[in-house]
Amino acid sequence: MTKMMARLEDGVVVNLIQTSNGTKQTDTLLDIPEGQQASIGGNIVNGVFYSAQPHPSWTRGETGWLPPVPKPELADTWDEDAQAWIILPEPPPGDTVE
């Protein structure tokens, strides 16, 4: 049986490793708990893995990163300079998006 582990340097995930159950957790090699995901550039706080901060203005919440302005349902992307969500116009009927 295999498990996923994260290698940390200065508290930041620098590598993800698929390993056997015989691999021991250390200060720099941590088990990734079932149901959690770790990513390169992310970190761990109180036993919870977080992805890398998506934008400088976002803050860490209990379950992930939070934008300074709640995301509207139709928003597509965050504009860090404007500190606002962008809603892209829908293409005219018949146009295809590739």
N, C-alpha and C. Protein backbone atom coordinates (compact mmCIF):
# COMPACT_ATOMS: atom_id res chain seq x y z
N MET A 1 0.85 -1.19 0.00
CA MET A 1 0.00 0.00 0.00
C MET A 1 0.89 1.24 0.00
N THR A 2 0.48 2.26 -0.74
CA THR A 2 1.27 3.48 -0.82
C THR A 2 0.56 4.62 -0.10
N LYS A 3 1.33 5.65 0.21
CA LYS A 3 0.77 6.85 0.82
C LYS A 3 1.50 8.04 0.23
N MET A 4 0.90 9.20 0.36
CA MET A 4 1.52 10.43 -0.12
C MET A 4 2.13 11.18 1.05
N MET A 5 3.31 11.73 0.78
CA MET A 5 4.02 12.51 1.79
C MET A 5 4.49 13.80 1.14
N ALA A 6 4.69 14.81 1.97
CA ALA A 6 5.17 16.10 1.50
C ALA A 6 6.52 16.38 2.14
N ARG A 7 7.48 16.76 1.32
CA ARG A 7 8.79 17.18 1.84
C ARG A 7 8.75 18.69 2.03
N LEU A 8 9.12 19.14 3.23
CA LEU A 8 9.07 20.56 3.57
C LEU A 8 10.46 21.14 3.74
N GLU A 9 10.62 22.38 3.34
CA GLU A 9 11.81 23.18 3.63
C GLU A 9 11.32 24.52 4.14
N ASP A 10 11.72 24.88 5.34
CA ASP A 10 11.28 26.13 5.97
C ASP A 10 9.76 26.25 5.99
N GLY A 11 9.07 25.12 6.19
CA GLY A 11 7.62 25.11 6.30
C GLY A 11 6.87 25.15 4.98
N VAL A 12 7.59 25.11 3.86
CA VAL A 12 6.96 25.17 2.54
C VAL A 12 7.13 23.82 1.85
N VAL A 13 6.06 23.35 1.19
CA VAL A 13 6.11 22.08 0.46
C VAL A 13 7.00 22.26 -0.77
N VAL A 14 8.07 21.46 -0.85
CA VAL A 14 8.99 21.54 -1.99
C VAL A 14 8.93 20.30 -2.87
N ASN A 15 8.31 19.22 -2.37
CA ASN A 15 8.22 17.99 -3.15
C ASN A 15 7.08 17.14 -2.61
N LEU A 16 6.43 16.40 -3.49
CA LEU A 16 5.40 15.45 -3.11
C LEU A 16 5.92 14.07 -3.48
N ILE A 17 5.76 13.12 -2.58
CA ILE A 17 6.35 11.80 -2.75
C ILE A 17 5.31 10.73 -2.51
N GLN A 18 5.21 9.79 -3.44
CA GLN A 18 4.38 8.60 -3.24
C GLN A 18 5.32 7.53 -2.70
N THR A 19 4.98 6.97 -1.55
CA THR A 19 5.91 6.08 -0.88
C THR A 19 5.19 4.89 -0.27
N SER A 20 5.95 3.96 0.25
CA SER A 20 5.37 2.79 0.89
C SER A 20 5.06 3.09 2.35
N ASN A 21 4.26 2.23 2.96
CA ASN A 21 3.91 2.42 4.37
C ASN A 21 5.12 2.38 5.28
N GLY A 22 6.25 1.82 4.80
CA GLY A 22 7.43 1.72 5.65
C GLY A 22 8.18 3.02 5.83
N THR A 23 7.84 4.05 5.05
CA THR A 23 8.52 5.33 5.16
C THR A 23 8.04 6.07 6.40
N LYS A 24 8.99 6.52 7.20
CA LYS A 24 8.66 7.19 8.46
C LYS A 24 8.50 8.69 8.28
N GLN A 25 7.55 9.25 8.98
CA GLN A 25 7.37 10.69 9.01
C GLN A 25 8.51 11.31 9.81
N THR A 26 9.02 12.45 9.33
CA THR A 26 10.07 13.18 10.04
C THR A 26 9.66 14.64 10.12
N ASP A 27 10.57 15.50 10.62
CA ASP A 27 10.27 16.94 10.68
C ASP A 27 10.13 17.55 9.29
N THR A 28 10.81 16.96 8.29
CA THR A 28 10.75 17.54 6.94
C THR A 28 9.99 16.67 5.95
N LEU A 29 9.53 15.50 6.37
CA LEU A 29 8.75 14.61 5.50
C LEU A 29 7.49 14.22 6.25
N LEU A 30 6.35 14.80 5.83
CA LEU A 30 5.09 14.62 6.56
C LEU A 30 4.09 13.81 5.76
N ASP A 31 3.35 12.96 6.45
CA ASP A 31 2.22 12.26 5.83
C ASP A 31 1.18 13.30 5.43
N ILE A 32 0.56 13.09 4.27
CA ILE A 32 -0.57 13.92 3.87
C ILE A 32 -1.82 13.16 4.28
N PRO A 33 -2.57 13.68 5.24
CA PRO A 33 -3.75 12.96 5.73
C PRO A 33 -4.76 12.69 4.61
N GLU A 34 -5.45 11.57 4.72
CA GLU A 34 -6.47 11.23 3.74
C GLU A 34 -7.50 12.35 3.68
N GLY A 35 -7.89 12.72 2.49
CA GLY A 35 -8.86 13.79 2.30
C GLY A 35 -8.23 15.16 2.14
N GLN A 36 -6.92 15.28 2.40
CA GLN A 36 -6.24 16.55 2.19
C GLN A 36 -5.37 16.45 0.95
N GLN A 37 -5.07 17.61 0.37
CA GLN A 37 -4.16 17.68 -0.76
C GLN A 37 -3.08 18.69 -0.44
N ALA A 38 -1.87 18.36 -0.82
CA ALA A 38 -0.75 19.28 -0.66
C ALA A 38 -0.28 19.67 -2.06
N SER A 39 0.31 20.85 -2.17
CA SER A 39 0.83 21.27 -3.47
C SER A 39 2.17 21.98 -3.27
N ILE A 40 3.00 21.89 -4.30
CA ILE A 40 4.30 22.55 -4.27
C ILE A 40 4.07 24.04 -4.03
N GLY A 41 4.82 24.61 -3.10
CA GLY A 41 4.68 26.03 -2.77
C GLY A 41 3.68 26.28 -1.66
N GLY A 42 2.90 25.27 -1.32
CA GLY A 42 1.95 25.40 -0.22
C GLY A 42 2.64 25.20 1.12
N ASN A 43 1.86 25.21 2.18
CA ASN A 43 2.43 24.99 3.50
C ASN A 43 1.43 24.26 4.38
N ILE A 44 1.82 24.04 5.62
CA ILE A 44 0.96 23.33 6.56
C ILE A 44 0.81 24.19 7.81
N VAL A 45 -0.42 24.34 8.28
CA VAL A 45 -0.72 25.11 9.48
C VAL A 45 -1.64 24.28 10.34
N ASN A 46 -1.23 24.03 11.57
CA ASN A 46 -2.02 23.24 12.52
C ASN A 46 -2.49 21.91 11.91
N GLY A 47 -1.60 21.27 11.18
CA GLY A 47 -1.90 19.96 10.61
C GLY A 47 -2.73 19.97 9.35
N VAL A 48 -3.02 21.16 8.80
CA VAL A 48 -3.81 21.26 7.58
C VAL A 48 -2.92 21.81 6.46
N PHE A 49 -2.90 21.09 5.31
CA PHE A 49 -2.14 21.55 4.16
C PHE A 49 -2.93 22.60 3.39
N TYR A 50 -2.23 23.65 2.97
CA TYR A 50 -2.81 24.72 2.16
C TYR A 50 -2.01 24.86 0.88
N SER A 51 -2.70 25.20 -0.21
CA SER A 51 -2.01 25.49 -1.46
C SER A 51 -1.26 26.81 -1.30
N ALA A 52 -0.44 27.13 -2.28
CA ALA A 52 0.26 28.41 -2.26
C ALA A 52 -0.76 29.54 -2.33
N GLN A 53 -0.46 30.66 -1.71
CA GLN A 53 -1.38 31.81 -1.71
C GLN A 53 -1.62 32.26 -3.14
N PRO A 54 -2.88 32.27 -3.61
CA PRO A 54 -3.15 32.60 -5.01
C PRO A 54 -2.90 34.06 -5.37
N HIS A 55 -3.13 34.98 -4.43
CA HIS A 55 -2.94 36.42 -4.66
C HIS A 55 -2.52 37.05 -3.33
N PRO A 56 -1.70 38.10 -3.36
CA PRO A 56 -1.23 38.71 -2.12
C PRO A 56 -2.34 39.21 -1.20
N SER A 57 -3.48 39.61 -1.75
CA SER A 57 -4.55 40.18 -0.93
C SER A 57 -5.41 39.11 -0.25
N TRP A 58 -5.27 37.85 -0.64
CA TRP A 58 -6.10 36.80 -0.07
C TRP A 58 -5.56 36.37 1.29
N THR A 59 -6.46 35.98 2.19
CA THR A 59 -6.07 35.54 3.52
C THR A 59 -6.47 34.07 3.71
N ARG A 60 -5.79 33.43 4.62
CA ARG A 60 -6.06 32.01 4.87
C ARG A 60 -7.23 31.86 5.82
N GLY A 61 -8.23 31.08 5.40
CA GLY A 61 -9.37 30.76 6.25
C GLY A 61 -9.19 29.35 6.81
N GLU A 62 -10.19 28.84 7.46
CA GLU A 62 -10.10 27.50 8.06
C GLU A 62 -9.97 26.39 7.03
N THR A 63 -10.53 26.60 5.84
CA THR A 63 -10.52 25.53 4.85
C THR A 63 -9.82 25.91 3.55
N GLY A 64 -9.30 27.10 3.44
CA GLY A 64 -8.61 27.50 2.21
C GLY A 64 -8.40 29.00 2.17
N TRP A 65 -8.01 29.50 1.00
CA TRP A 65 -7.74 30.92 0.82
C TRP A 65 -9.02 31.68 0.53
N LEU A 66 -9.13 32.87 1.12
CA LEU A 66 -10.33 33.69 0.99
C LEU A 66 -9.99 35.01 0.31
N PRO A 67 -10.75 35.39 -0.72
CA PRO A 67 -10.53 36.69 -1.37
C PRO A 67 -11.06 37.80 -0.48
N PRO A 68 -10.56 39.04 -0.67
CA PRO A 68 -11.05 40.15 0.14
C PRO A 68 -12.49 40.53 -0.19
N VAL A 69 -12.96 40.12 -1.37
CA VAL A 69 -14.34 40.37 -1.80
C VAL A 69 -14.96 39.02 -2.16
N PRO A 70 -16.12 38.67 -1.59
CA PRO A 70 -16.73 37.38 -1.93
C PRO A 70 -16.95 37.24 -3.44
N LYS A 71 -16.78 36.03 -3.94
CA LYS A 71 -16.90 35.77 -5.38
C LYS A 71 -18.37 35.72 -5.79
N PRO A 72 -18.76 36.58 -6.75
CA PRO A 72 -20.12 36.48 -7.29
C PRO A 72 -20.28 35.18 -8.08
N GLU A 73 -21.49 34.72 -8.21
CA GLU A 73 -21.75 33.44 -8.88
C GLU A 73 -21.21 33.40 -10.30
N LEU A 74 -21.30 34.50 -11.04
CA LEU A 74 -20.89 34.52 -12.44
C LEU A 74 -19.44 34.95 -12.67
N ALA A 75 -18.70 35.22 -11.61
CA ALA A 75 -17.33 35.70 -11.75
C ALA A 75 -16.43 34.61 -12.32
N ASP A 76 -15.46 35.05 -13.13
CA ASP A 76 -14.54 34.12 -13.76
C ASP A 76 -13.15 34.16 -13.15
N THR A 77 -12.66 35.33 -12.83
CA THR A 77 -11.28 35.44 -12.35
C THR A 77 -11.13 36.66 -11.45
N TRP A 78 -10.07 36.65 -10.66
CA TRP A 78 -9.79 37.74 -9.72
C TRP A 78 -8.76 38.68 -10.35
N ASP A 79 -9.02 40.00 -10.27
CA ASP A 79 -8.08 41.02 -10.73
C ASP A 79 -7.44 41.64 -9.49
N GLU A 80 -6.19 41.28 -9.24
CA GLU A 80 -5.50 41.73 -8.03
C GLU A 80 -5.33 43.25 -8.03
N ASP A 81 -5.02 43.85 -9.18
CA ASP A 81 -4.81 45.31 -9.23
C ASP A 81 -6.09 46.07 -8.91
N ALA A 82 -7.20 45.62 -9.45
CA ALA A 82 -8.49 46.29 -9.22
C ALA A 82 -9.17 45.83 -7.93
N GLN A 83 -8.64 44.75 -7.33
CA GLN A 83 -9.26 44.17 -6.14
C GLN A 83 -10.73 43.88 -6.40
N ALA A 84 -10.99 43.24 -7.55
CA ALA A 84 -12.37 42.95 -7.95
C ALA A 84 -12.42 41.68 -8.79
N TRP A 85 -13.59 41.07 -8.81
CA TRP A 85 -13.83 39.91 -9.65
C TRP A 85 -14.19 40.38 -11.05
N ILE A 86 -13.79 39.60 -12.04
CA ILE A 86 -14.08 39.90 -13.44
C ILE A 86 -15.11 38.89 -13.95
N ILE A 87 -16.14 39.41 -14.58
CA ILE A 87 -17.15 38.56 -15.22
C ILE A 87 -16.96 38.76 -16.72
N LEU A 88 -16.51 37.71 -17.40
CA LEU A 88 -16.27 37.80 -18.83
C LEU A 88 -17.59 37.72 -19.57
N PRO A 89 -17.73 38.51 -20.67
CA PRO A 89 -18.97 38.45 -21.42
C PRO A 89 -19.09 37.10 -22.13
N GLU A 90 -20.33 36.65 -22.30
CA GLU A 90 -20.55 35.39 -23.01
C GLU A 90 -20.37 35.65 -24.50
N PRO A 91 -19.79 34.67 -25.23
CA PRO A 91 -19.63 34.87 -26.68
C PRO A 91 -20.99 34.89 -27.35
N PRO A 92 -21.07 35.59 -28.48
CA PRO A 92 -22.36 35.62 -29.22
C PRO A 92 -22.75 34.21 -29.64
N PRO A 93 -24.06 33.97 -29.79
CA PRO A 93 -24.52 32.64 -30.22
C PRO A 93 -23.85 32.22 -31.53
N GLY A 94 -23.48 30.97 -31.60
CA GLY A 94 -22.85 30.45 -32.81
C GLY A 94 -21.33 30.51 -32.78
N ASP A 95 -20.74 31.38 -31.94
CA ASP A 95 -19.29 31.42 -31.81
C ASP A 95 -18.83 30.23 -30.99
N THR A 96 -17.72 29.68 -31.35
CA THR A 96 -17.17 28.58 -30.58
C THR A 96 -15.92 29.04 -29.85
N VAL A 97 -15.73 28.52 -28.69
CA VAL A 97 -14.56 28.83 -27.89
C VAL A 97 -13.61 27.66 -27.99
N GLU A 98 -12.36 27.94 -28.37
CA GLU A 98 -11.39 26.85 -28.50
C GLU A 98 -10.36 26.96 -27.43
